[in-house]
Amino acid sequence: MVEVPEWVDDAGAPTILYSKPITLFEMRKWWKGMQSDDISIFVDLIIAKAEDREGNKAFSLEDKQPLLRTAEFSVLARVAGEMVDHADAEELEKN
C-alpha cells in the first residue's frame, strides 16, 4: 500500500494505491525500453502496477502524458520506489 497525500480525492483524503510485487521480467522489460536519460520509467511503472483497493487498474495509458506533465517528480519517484520496494504484510507473516 502506498499513501499519496499529494493526490487528494474530492473529499480531501489522500490517494491510496496498491500493487502486486514487481517481477524481474517486468523490470527487465522496462529497463530494456528505457534510454539512459529516460526517467519516464517511473510513470510507466505506476501505470502498469497501481491498483485501487478492489484490484482495478488505477491508471491507463491515457494518464501517461498528464502524469508526465503535471505530477511532481519527487512524488512519482517516491510512489514508484515504494512499489519497487513492495513488502506485503501478509507475505512477511508467511516467512
N, C-alpha and C. Protein backbone atom coordinates (compact mmCIF):
# COMPACT_ATOMS: atom_id res chain seq x y z
N MET A 1 0.84 -1.18 0.00
CA MET A 1 0.00 0.00 0.00
C MET A 1 0.89 1.24 0.00
N VAL A 2 0.53 2.18 -0.86
CA VAL A 2 1.26 3.44 -0.95
C VAL A 2 0.27 4.57 -0.75
N GLU A 3 0.49 5.36 0.27
CA GLU A 3 -0.35 6.53 0.52
C GLU A 3 0.28 7.72 -0.18
N VAL A 4 -0.55 8.45 -0.95
CA VAL A 4 -0.06 9.61 -1.70
C VAL A 4 -0.83 10.84 -1.24
N PRO A 5 -0.36 11.50 -0.17
CA PRO A 5 -1.07 12.66 0.37
C PRO A 5 -1.10 13.84 -0.59
N GLU A 6 -0.20 13.86 -1.56
CA GLU A 6 -0.17 14.95 -2.53
C GLU A 6 -1.31 14.85 -3.53
N TRP A 7 -1.90 13.68 -3.68
CA TRP A 7 -3.01 13.46 -4.61
C TRP A 7 -4.26 13.18 -3.78
N VAL A 8 -5.08 14.17 -3.57
CA VAL A 8 -6.27 14.01 -2.74
C VAL A 8 -7.52 13.80 -3.61
N ASP A 9 -8.50 13.11 -3.03
CA ASP A 9 -9.77 12.92 -3.73
C ASP A 9 -10.68 14.11 -3.45
N ASP A 10 -11.92 14.02 -3.93
CA ASP A 10 -12.87 15.13 -3.77
C ASP A 10 -13.15 15.46 -2.31
N ALA A 11 -13.00 14.46 -1.44
CA ALA A 11 -13.25 14.68 -0.01
C ALA A 11 -12.00 15.15 0.73
N GLY A 12 -10.88 15.26 0.01
CA GLY A 12 -9.64 15.71 0.64
C GLY A 12 -8.81 14.59 1.23
N ALA A 13 -9.22 13.34 1.01
CA ALA A 13 -8.46 12.19 1.53
C ALA A 13 -7.33 11.84 0.56
N PRO A 14 -6.20 11.40 1.10
CA PRO A 14 -5.08 11.03 0.23
C PRO A 14 -5.41 9.81 -0.62
N THR A 15 -4.83 9.76 -1.80
CA THR A 15 -4.97 8.60 -2.67
C THR A 15 -4.21 7.43 -2.06
N ILE A 16 -4.83 6.28 -2.07
CA ILE A 16 -4.18 5.05 -1.60
C ILE A 16 -4.05 4.14 -2.81
N LEU A 17 -2.83 3.72 -3.11
CA LEU A 17 -2.57 2.82 -4.22
C LEU A 17 -2.05 1.49 -3.69
N TYR A 18 -2.39 0.46 -4.40
CA TYR A 18 -1.93 -0.89 -4.06
C TYR A 18 -1.19 -1.43 -5.28
N SER A 19 -0.33 -2.40 -5.07
CA SER A 19 0.32 -3.04 -6.21
C SER A 19 0.80 -4.42 -5.81
N LYS A 20 0.83 -5.27 -6.79
CA LYS A 20 1.42 -6.60 -6.59
C LYS A 20 2.92 -6.44 -6.78
N PRO A 21 3.71 -7.33 -6.22
CA PRO A 21 5.16 -7.21 -6.38
C PRO A 21 5.58 -7.18 -7.85
N ILE A 22 6.60 -6.41 -8.13
CA ILE A 22 7.13 -6.29 -9.48
C ILE A 22 8.08 -7.45 -9.73
N THR A 23 7.88 -8.11 -10.84
CA THR A 23 8.72 -9.25 -11.17
C THR A 23 9.99 -8.79 -11.90
N LEU A 24 10.97 -9.64 -11.90
CA LEU A 24 12.20 -9.34 -12.62
C LEU A 24 11.92 -9.22 -14.11
N PHE A 25 11.01 -10.03 -14.64
CA PHE A 25 10.63 -9.95 -16.04
C PHE A 25 10.08 -8.56 -16.38
N GLU A 26 9.18 -8.05 -15.52
CA GLU A 26 8.61 -6.72 -15.75
C GLU A 26 9.70 -5.65 -15.71
N MET A 27 10.56 -5.73 -14.71
CA MET A 27 11.61 -4.73 -14.56
C MET A 27 12.55 -4.75 -15.75
N ARG A 28 12.90 -5.94 -16.21
CA ARG A 28 13.79 -6.08 -17.37
C ARG A 28 13.16 -5.45 -18.61
N LYS A 29 11.86 -5.67 -18.79
CA LYS A 29 11.15 -5.10 -19.94
C LYS A 29 11.21 -3.57 -19.90
N TRP A 30 10.99 -2.98 -18.72
CA TRP A 30 11.02 -1.52 -18.61
C TRP A 30 12.43 -0.99 -18.85
N TRP A 31 13.43 -1.62 -18.26
CA TRP A 31 14.81 -1.15 -18.43
C TRP A 31 15.25 -1.26 -19.87
N LYS A 32 14.85 -2.34 -20.57
CA LYS A 32 15.22 -2.51 -21.98
C LYS A 32 14.68 -1.38 -22.84
N GLY A 33 13.46 -0.96 -22.59
CA GLY A 33 12.83 0.08 -23.38
C GLY A 33 13.26 1.48 -23.01
N MET A 34 14.04 1.60 -21.97
CA MET A 34 14.42 2.92 -21.46
C MET A 34 15.76 3.37 -22.04
N GLN A 35 15.85 4.61 -22.38
CA GLN A 35 17.12 5.19 -22.79
C GLN A 35 17.84 5.66 -21.54
N SER A 36 19.12 5.91 -21.64
CA SER A 36 19.92 6.24 -20.46
C SER A 36 19.43 7.47 -19.71
N ASP A 37 18.78 8.40 -20.38
CA ASP A 37 18.32 9.62 -19.72
C ASP A 37 16.80 9.66 -19.56
N ASP A 38 16.14 8.54 -19.77
CA ASP A 38 14.68 8.48 -19.75
C ASP A 38 14.20 8.09 -18.35
N ILE A 39 13.64 9.06 -17.65
CA ILE A 39 13.14 8.77 -16.31
C ILE A 39 11.63 8.57 -16.28
N SER A 40 11.03 8.50 -17.47
CA SER A 40 9.59 8.26 -17.52
C SER A 40 9.24 6.84 -17.08
N ILE A 41 10.26 6.02 -16.81
CA ILE A 41 10.02 4.67 -16.30
C ILE A 41 9.19 4.71 -15.01
N PHE A 42 9.32 5.78 -14.24
CA PHE A 42 8.52 5.91 -13.01
C PHE A 42 7.03 5.91 -13.35
N VAL A 43 6.66 6.68 -14.37
CA VAL A 43 5.26 6.75 -14.78
C VAL A 43 4.81 5.42 -15.37
N ASP A 44 5.66 4.81 -16.20
CA ASP A 44 5.32 3.51 -16.78
C ASP A 44 5.06 2.47 -15.70
N LEU A 45 5.90 2.46 -14.69
CA LEU A 45 5.75 1.52 -13.58
C LEU A 45 4.45 1.77 -12.82
N ILE A 46 4.15 3.01 -12.53
CA ILE A 46 2.93 3.35 -11.79
C ILE A 46 1.69 2.97 -12.60
N ILE A 47 1.70 3.29 -13.90
CA ILE A 47 0.55 2.94 -14.74
C ILE A 47 0.36 1.43 -14.78
N ALA A 48 1.44 0.70 -14.91
CA ALA A 48 1.34 -0.75 -15.03
C ALA A 48 0.93 -1.44 -13.74
N LYS A 49 1.35 -0.93 -12.60
CA LYS A 49 1.19 -1.68 -11.36
C LYS A 49 0.17 -1.11 -10.37
N ALA A 50 -0.13 0.17 -10.42
CA ALA A 50 -1.01 0.78 -9.41
C ALA A 50 -2.44 0.29 -9.56
N GLU A 51 -3.02 -0.09 -8.43
CA GLU A 51 -4.40 -0.58 -8.38
C GLU A 51 -5.14 0.10 -7.24
N ASP A 52 -6.48 0.05 -7.33
CA ASP A 52 -7.28 0.52 -6.20
C ASP A 52 -7.48 -0.65 -5.24
N ARG A 53 -8.23 -0.42 -4.20
CA ARG A 53 -8.44 -1.43 -3.15
C ARG A 53 -9.04 -2.72 -3.71
N GLU A 54 -9.87 -2.61 -4.75
CA GLU A 54 -10.54 -3.78 -5.33
C GLU A 54 -9.67 -4.49 -6.37
N GLY A 55 -8.49 -3.98 -6.66
CA GLY A 55 -7.61 -4.61 -7.64
C GLY A 55 -7.80 -4.12 -9.06
N ASN A 56 -8.56 -3.03 -9.23
CA ASN A 56 -8.73 -2.44 -10.55
C ASN A 56 -7.57 -1.50 -10.85
N LYS A 57 -7.19 -1.42 -12.12
CA LYS A 57 -6.12 -0.51 -12.51
C LYS A 57 -6.46 0.93 -12.10
N ALA A 58 -5.52 1.60 -11.48
CA ALA A 58 -5.74 2.98 -11.05
C ALA A 58 -5.50 3.96 -12.20
N PHE A 59 -4.66 3.57 -13.16
CA PHE A 59 -4.30 4.44 -14.27
C PHE A 59 -4.33 3.65 -15.57
N SER A 60 -4.44 4.38 -16.68
CA SER A 60 -4.36 3.78 -18.01
C SER A 60 -3.28 4.51 -18.80
N LEU A 61 -3.01 4.02 -20.00
CA LEU A 61 -2.03 4.70 -20.84
C LEU A 61 -2.43 6.13 -21.16
N GLU A 62 -3.72 6.42 -21.13
CA GLU A 62 -4.19 7.78 -21.36
C GLU A 62 -3.72 8.75 -20.26
N ASP A 63 -3.35 8.21 -19.11
CA ASP A 63 -2.88 9.04 -18.00
C ASP A 63 -1.39 9.37 -18.09
N LYS A 64 -0.67 8.74 -19.02
CA LYS A 64 0.78 8.93 -19.07
C LYS A 64 1.18 10.38 -19.29
N GLN A 65 0.66 11.02 -20.32
CA GLN A 65 1.05 12.40 -20.59
C GLN A 65 0.66 13.35 -19.47
N PRO A 66 -0.58 13.26 -18.94
CA PRO A 66 -0.91 14.13 -17.81
C PRO A 66 0.02 13.92 -16.60
N LEU A 67 0.37 12.67 -16.31
CA LEU A 67 1.28 12.41 -15.20
C LEU A 67 2.67 12.99 -15.49
N LEU A 68 3.15 12.80 -16.71
CA LEU A 68 4.46 13.34 -17.07
C LEU A 68 4.49 14.86 -17.01
N ARG A 69 3.39 15.48 -17.35
CA ARG A 69 3.35 16.95 -17.45
C ARG A 69 2.99 17.66 -16.15
N THR A 70 2.21 17.00 -15.28
CA THR A 70 1.71 17.73 -14.11
C THR A 70 2.15 17.18 -12.76
N ALA A 71 2.45 15.89 -12.68
CA ALA A 71 2.82 15.33 -11.38
C ALA A 71 4.25 15.71 -11.02
N GLU A 72 4.47 15.97 -9.75
CA GLU A 72 5.80 16.33 -9.28
C GLU A 72 6.73 15.13 -9.37
N PHE A 73 7.95 15.38 -9.83
CA PHE A 73 8.93 14.31 -9.95
C PHE A 73 9.13 13.58 -8.63
N SER A 74 9.25 14.32 -7.54
CA SER A 74 9.53 13.69 -6.25
C SER A 74 8.40 12.74 -5.84
N VAL A 75 7.17 13.08 -6.17
CA VAL A 75 6.03 12.22 -5.84
C VAL A 75 6.07 10.96 -6.69
N LEU A 76 6.28 11.11 -8.00
CA LEU A 76 6.36 9.95 -8.88
C LEU A 76 7.50 9.03 -8.47
N ALA A 77 8.65 9.60 -8.15
CA ALA A 77 9.81 8.79 -7.76
C ALA A 77 9.53 8.05 -6.45
N ARG A 78 8.88 8.71 -5.50
CA ARG A 78 8.58 8.07 -4.21
C ARG A 78 7.58 6.93 -4.40
N VAL A 79 6.51 7.19 -5.14
CA VAL A 79 5.48 6.17 -5.34
C VAL A 79 6.07 4.97 -6.07
N ALA A 80 6.81 5.22 -7.16
CA ALA A 80 7.42 4.12 -7.90
C ALA A 80 8.41 3.37 -7.02
N GLY A 81 9.19 4.11 -6.23
CA GLY A 81 10.15 3.46 -5.33
C GLY A 81 9.49 2.57 -4.31
N GLU A 82 8.38 3.04 -3.76
CA GLU A 82 7.67 2.21 -2.78
C GLU A 82 7.07 0.97 -3.44
N MET A 83 6.66 1.09 -4.70
CA MET A 83 6.14 -0.08 -5.41
C MET A 83 7.26 -1.09 -5.68
N VAL A 84 8.44 -0.60 -6.02
CA VAL A 84 9.58 -1.48 -6.25
C VAL A 84 10.00 -2.16 -4.96
N ASP A 85 9.97 -1.43 -3.87
CA ASP A 85 10.35 -1.98 -2.56
C ASP A 85 9.19 -2.66 -1.87
N HIS A 86 8.23 -3.10 -2.64
CA HIS A 86 6.99 -3.70 -2.15
C HIS A 86 7.29 -4.74 -1.06
N ALA A 87 6.62 -4.60 0.07
CA ALA A 87 6.70 -5.60 1.14
C ALA A 87 5.30 -5.81 1.66
N ASP A 88 4.65 -6.83 1.18
CA ASP A 88 3.28 -7.12 1.57
C ASP A 88 3.27 -7.73 2.97
N ALA A 89 2.49 -7.17 3.86
CA ALA A 89 2.44 -7.63 5.25
C ALA A 89 2.07 -9.10 5.34
N GLU A 90 1.13 -9.55 4.50
CA GLU A 90 0.73 -10.96 4.54
C GLU A 90 1.89 -11.87 4.15
N GLU A 91 2.67 -11.47 3.15
CA GLU A 91 3.81 -12.26 2.73
C GLU A 91 4.87 -12.30 3.81
N LEU A 92 5.09 -11.18 4.50
CA LEU A 92 6.06 -11.14 5.59
C LEU A 92 5.65 -12.07 6.72
N GLU A 93 4.35 -12.14 7.00
CA GLU A 93 3.87 -13.01 8.06
C GLU A 93 4.08 -14.48 7.71
N LYS A 94 4.00 -14.82 6.42
CA LYS A 94 4.18 -16.20 5.99
C LYS A 94 5.62 -16.67 6.19
N ASN A 95 6.58 -15.75 6.07
CA ASN A 95 8.00 -16.12 6.16
C ASN A 95 8.42 -16.28 7.56
